[in-house]
Protein backbone atom coordinates (compact mmCIF):
# COMPACT_ATOMS: atom_id res chain seq x y z
CA MET A 1 -1.63 59.92 38.99
CA ASP A 2 -1.46 62.75 41.38
CA ILE A 3 -1.11 60.16 44.33
CA ALA A 4 1.89 58.41 42.41
CA TRP A 5 3.42 61.54 41.87
CA ASP A 6 3.01 62.51 45.35
CA LEU A 7 4.87 59.11 46.66
CA VAL A 8 7.61 60.02 43.81
CA TYR A 9 8.41 63.21 45.11
CA ARG A 10 8.51 61.99 48.69
CA ALA A 11 10.52 58.86 47.56
CA ASP A 12 14.20 58.28 47.59
CA VAL A 13 13.78 55.12 46.11
CA ILE A 14 11.02 53.37 43.86
CA MET A 15 10.59 49.39 43.62
CA GLU A 16 8.43 47.96 41.24
CA SER A 17 7.53 44.43 40.09
CA PHE A 18 5.11 45.03 37.10
CA SER A 19 5.85 43.02 33.95
CA PRO A 20 8.09 45.00 31.71
CA GLY A 21 6.60 47.87 30.20
CA ALA A 22 3.90 47.99 32.74
CA ILE A 23 5.27 50.72 34.66
CA GLY A 24 5.89 52.94 31.47
CA ALA A 25 2.18 52.37 30.31
CA MET A 26 0.90 54.14 33.25
CA GLY A 27 3.38 57.08 32.63
CA LEU A 28 6.00 56.44 35.39
CA ASP A 29 8.70 55.13 33.16
CA LEU A 30 12.47 55.87 34.28
CA ASP A 31 12.76 58.67 31.78
CA THR A 32 9.76 60.16 32.80
CA ILE A 33 10.30 60.26 36.40
CA ARG A 34 13.90 61.01 36.34
CA ALA A 35 12.99 64.39 34.14
CA ARG A 36 10.90 65.30 37.33
CA LYS A 37 13.26 64.16 40.25
CA PRO A 38 16.63 63.27 38.75
CA GLU A 39 18.05 62.06 41.87
CA ILE A 40 15.54 58.99 41.98
CA VAL A 41 16.68 55.42 42.17
CA ILE A 42 14.18 52.86 40.48
CA ALA A 43 14.78 49.20 40.81
CA SER A 44 12.58 46.72 39.00
CA SER A 45 12.09 43.34 39.28
CA SER A 46 9.93 40.56 37.47
CA LEU A 47 9.38 36.97 37.74
CA MET A 48 10.02 36.14 34.10
CA GLY A 49 12.63 38.63 33.69
CA GLN A 50 13.14 41.98 32.19
CA THR A 51 14.05 40.60 28.73
CA GLY A 52 13.99 37.15 27.00
CA PRO A 53 10.93 35.21 25.42
CA LEU A 54 9.07 34.94 28.65
CA ALA A 55 9.67 38.68 29.94
CA LYS A 56 5.92 39.75 28.60
CA LEU A 57 4.38 37.27 31.02
CA ALA A 58 2.88 38.18 34.05
CA GLY A 59 4.57 36.12 37.07
CA PHE A 60 2.65 35.28 40.58
CA GLY A 61 3.94 33.63 43.67
CA THR A 62 2.85 30.19 42.65
CA MET A 63 4.66 30.34 39.58
CA ALA A 64 7.98 31.51 41.42
CA GLY A 65 8.09 28.53 43.64
CA ALA A 66 7.41 26.29 40.69
CA ILE A 67 10.16 27.48 38.28
CA SER A 68 12.57 27.78 40.75
CA GLY A 69 12.18 24.33 42.04
CA PHE A 70 11.18 25.41 45.55
CA VAL A 71 8.22 23.36 45.56
CA HIS A 72 9.76 20.15 44.59
CA PRO A 73 11.03 19.25 47.88
CA THR A 74 7.40 19.47 49.33
CA GLY A 75 4.69 16.97 50.21
CA TRP A 76 5.18 13.16 50.62
CA PRO A 77 8.04 11.00 48.98
CA ASP A 78 5.33 9.03 47.44
CA ARG A 79 3.31 11.72 45.81
CA ALA A 80 3.76 14.69 43.74
CA PRO A 81 4.78 18.07 44.96
CA CYS A 82 2.03 19.79 46.61
CA GLY A 83 3.44 23.37 46.82
CA LEU A 84 4.16 25.84 49.25
CA LYS A 85 0.32 26.87 49.89
CA ALA A 86 1.76 30.56 50.42
CA TYR A 87 1.70 33.39 47.67
CA THR A 88 5.13 34.98 47.75
CA ASP A 89 4.38 37.87 45.90
C-alpha cells in the first residue's frame, strides 16, 4: 500500500480497469483517495460496465473482442470466426 499511495501522491490522474468494487476493496476508493488528494482525477473502466447484471464479472481482452463483434469478421468465409489471437487488455 505504501507504493500505491506514493503513486497517488505523484499522479494527476488515476486510471483503473478492475471489476467494480475491486479498487475499493484494496482501500483505494474515490472517497479515500480524495480525502488525501482532493484534486486527483480518477477514471474507471471495466469490460462489463460499472453497473448492470454483468458488472461484477471480470472481463478480459478475448471477451471484449467477442462481445463487441470484433471477432466476427475474422477467419475464413466457410468457417467460424477464429478470434483476434491478441489480448487487448
